[in-house]
Amino acid sequence: MTPSPAVVQPDQELIKEILDELDLDHTLDAEGDLAISTAELTIFFLFGSEGDLFTIRTFYDRNYSVDEKPMLLTALNEWNADTMWPKVYAFTPDNGVIRVIGDSQLYIGAGVTREHLTTVIAHWVRFAIKFHRWLADRLAFELD
């Protein structure tokens, strides 16, 4: 009988190790959150206050106007219906400029294997970037 792999309780240090192994440049923001930042998007690696939820949250840097919202929501709904993650949504702060945010979450309260966590991070980062490209193509098609 093969022993089960060790279960770990992820923390920020483990996520840094995994990002280093994946050759993904990362930084800490002003609040101490771990992030990957590019010109098009910023991916944050966050832990819930109870320590039982790990979230990869992506803020896409392109802003949209209220006039673009119907077209944007149609595209976001299409992605969400056809794709497992990230789940994406439109966020409108008080200034009226619409931002797109993507979320992927994993329950970690009982721990996870390091291998599973590495796989999840690699896939979620890849799909956060894939969504950015998909949305740019999708909206370009809409405007043609």
Protein backbone atom coordinates (compact mmCIF):
# COMPACT_ATOMS: atom_id res chain seq x y z
CA MET A 1 0.00 0.00 0.00
CA THR A 2 1.37 3.40 -1.04
CA PRO A 3 1.29 6.03 1.72
CA SER A 4 -0.76 9.15 1.08
CA PRO A 5 1.20 12.31 0.30
CA ALA A 6 1.72 14.72 3.17
CA VAL A 7 -0.96 17.31 3.72
CA VAL A 8 0.20 20.88 4.34
CA GLN A 9 -1.55 24.00 5.58
CA PRO A 10 -0.66 26.65 2.96
CA ASP A 11 0.66 30.02 3.99
CA GLN A 12 2.27 32.95 2.19
CA GLU A 13 5.78 31.49 2.50
CA LEU A 14 4.72 28.25 0.84
CA ILE A 15 3.03 30.18 -1.98
CA LYS A 16 6.27 32.17 -2.50
CA GLU A 17 8.22 28.89 -2.73
CA ILE A 18 5.78 27.51 -5.29
CA LEU A 19 5.86 30.72 -7.37
CA ASP A 20 9.68 30.56 -7.34
CA GLU A 21 9.57 26.92 -8.49
CA LEU A 22 7.21 27.94 -11.30
CA ASP A 23 9.57 30.80 -12.25
CA LEU A 24 6.83 33.38 -11.66
CA ASP A 25 8.14 36.76 -10.54
CA HIS A 26 6.24 38.06 -7.55
CA THR A 27 6.23 40.92 -5.10
CA LEU A 28 4.52 42.12 -1.94
CA ASP A 29 2.19 45.10 -2.24
CA ALA A 30 1.89 47.94 0.28
CA GLU A 31 -0.52 45.87 2.42
CA GLY A 32 1.82 42.87 2.44
CA ASP A 33 -0.22 40.81 -0.04
CA LEU A 34 1.67 38.52 -2.38
CA ALA A 35 1.13 39.41 -6.04
CA ILE A 36 2.20 38.93 -9.63
CA SER A 37 1.94 42.22 -11.47
CA THR A 38 2.09 42.97 -15.19
CA ALA A 39 0.99 45.92 -17.32
CA GLU A 40 -2.35 44.20 -18.00
CA LEU A 41 -3.25 42.57 -14.70
CA THR A 42 -2.34 41.96 -11.08
CA ILE A 43 -2.84 38.54 -9.51
CA PHE A 44 -3.11 38.41 -5.70
CA PHE A 45 -2.68 35.29 -3.56
CA LEU A 46 -4.93 35.71 -0.53
CA PHE A 47 -5.99 33.75 2.53
CA GLY A 48 -9.39 34.08 4.17
CA SER A 49 -9.58 35.51 7.68
CA GLU A 50 -10.46 32.08 9.07
CA GLY A 51 -7.51 30.48 7.26
CA ASP A 52 -9.73 28.00 5.47
CA LEU A 53 -9.96 29.63 2.04
CA PHE A 54 -7.20 30.34 -0.47
CA THR A 55 -8.11 32.81 -3.21
CA ILE A 56 -6.33 33.89 -6.33
CA ARG A 57 -7.91 37.25 -7.24
CA THR A 58 -7.02 39.01 -10.46
CA PHE A 59 -7.58 42.69 -11.11
CA TYR A 60 -7.55 43.44 -14.82
CA ASP A 61 -6.12 46.90 -15.49
CA ARG A 62 -8.32 47.96 -18.39
CA ASN A 63 -11.20 50.20 -17.34
CA TYR A 64 -14.58 50.25 -19.05
CA SER A 65 -17.24 52.95 -19.33
CA VAL A 66 -20.86 52.58 -18.31
CA ASP A 67 -21.75 52.61 -22.03
CA GLU A 68 -19.61 49.49 -22.52
CA LYS A 69 -21.22 47.62 -19.62
CA PRO A 70 -23.88 45.65 -21.58
CA MET A 71 -21.27 44.38 -24.04
CA LEU A 72 -18.85 43.62 -21.20
CA LEU A 73 -21.44 41.73 -19.14
CA THR A 74 -22.44 39.64 -22.14
CA ALA A 75 -18.80 38.61 -22.60
CA LEU A 76 -18.27 37.92 -18.88
CA ASN A 77 -21.41 35.79 -18.71
CA GLU A 78 -20.25 33.83 -21.74
CA TRP A 79 -16.88 33.13 -20.08
CA ASN A 80 -18.51 32.15 -16.78
CA ALA A 81 -20.93 29.78 -18.49
CA ASP A 82 -18.24 28.08 -20.58
CA THR A 83 -15.25 28.07 -18.21
CA MET A 84 -14.65 26.74 -14.69
CA TRP A 85 -12.26 29.47 -13.50
CA PRO A 86 -11.59 32.19 -12.92
CA LYS A 87 -15.11 33.37 -12.31
CA VAL A 88 -15.12 36.95 -13.50
CA TYR A 89 -17.33 39.88 -12.70
CA ALA A 90 -17.65 43.61 -13.28
CA PHE A 91 -17.01 45.93 -10.33
CA THR A 92 -18.07 49.56 -10.41
CA PRO A 93 -16.60 51.77 -7.67
CA ASP A 94 -18.06 55.17 -6.84
CA ASN A 95 -16.17 56.86 -9.70
CA GLY A 96 -18.31 54.96 -12.23
CA VAL A 97 -15.39 53.32 -14.03
CA ILE A 98 -15.97 49.60 -14.48
CA ARG A 99 -13.20 47.13 -13.61
CA VAL A 100 -13.08 43.40 -14.24
CA ILE A 101 -12.06 41.06 -11.42
CA GLY A 102 -11.49 37.31 -11.51
CA ASP A 103 -11.64 34.90 -8.57
CA SER A 104 -10.58 31.30 -8.08
CA GLN A 105 -10.93 29.71 -4.65
CA LEU A 106 -9.81 26.55 -2.91
CA TYR A 107 -10.92 25.27 0.48
CA ILE A 108 -7.76 24.58 2.50
CA GLY A 109 -9.19 24.17 6.00
CA ALA A 110 -8.29 20.48 6.14
CA GLY A 111 -4.98 21.08 4.35
CA VAL A 112 -3.93 20.09 0.84
CA THR A 113 -1.01 18.29 -0.71
CA ARG A 114 1.80 20.48 -1.93
CA GLU A 115 1.55 18.87 -5.36
CA HIS A 116 -2.14 19.73 -5.64
CA LEU A 117 -1.52 23.31 -4.51
CA THR A 118 1.28 23.73 -7.07
CA THR A 119 -0.97 22.41 -9.83
CA VAL A 120 -3.84 24.68 -8.79
CA ILE A 121 -1.62 27.77 -8.70
CA ALA A 122 -0.06 27.00 -12.09
CA HIS A 123 -3.47 26.46 -13.72
CA TRP A 124 -5.14 29.46 -12.10
CA VAL A 125 -2.36 31.85 -13.06
CA ARG A 126 -2.38 30.50 -16.61
CA PHE A 127 -6.17 30.87 -16.86
CA ALA A 128 -6.11 34.40 -15.38
CA ILE A 129 -3.81 35.35 -18.26
CA LYS A 130 -5.84 33.30 -20.76
CA PHE A 131 -8.99 35.18 -19.72
CA HIS A 132 -7.27 38.53 -20.33
CA ARG A 133 -6.40 37.45 -23.88
CA TRP A 134 -9.84 35.94 -24.45
CA LEU A 135 -11.63 39.10 -23.33
CA ALA A 136 -9.46 41.34 -25.53
CA ASP A 137 -10.21 39.12 -28.53
CA ARG A 138 -13.89 38.78 -27.64
CA LEU A 139 -14.43 42.53 -27.27
CA ALA A 140 -12.40 43.27 -30.42
CA PHE A 141 -14.74 40.91 -32.30
CA GLU A 142 -17.76 42.67 -30.80
CA LEU A 143 -16.49 46.08 -31.94
CA ASP A 144 -15.72 44.96 -35.53
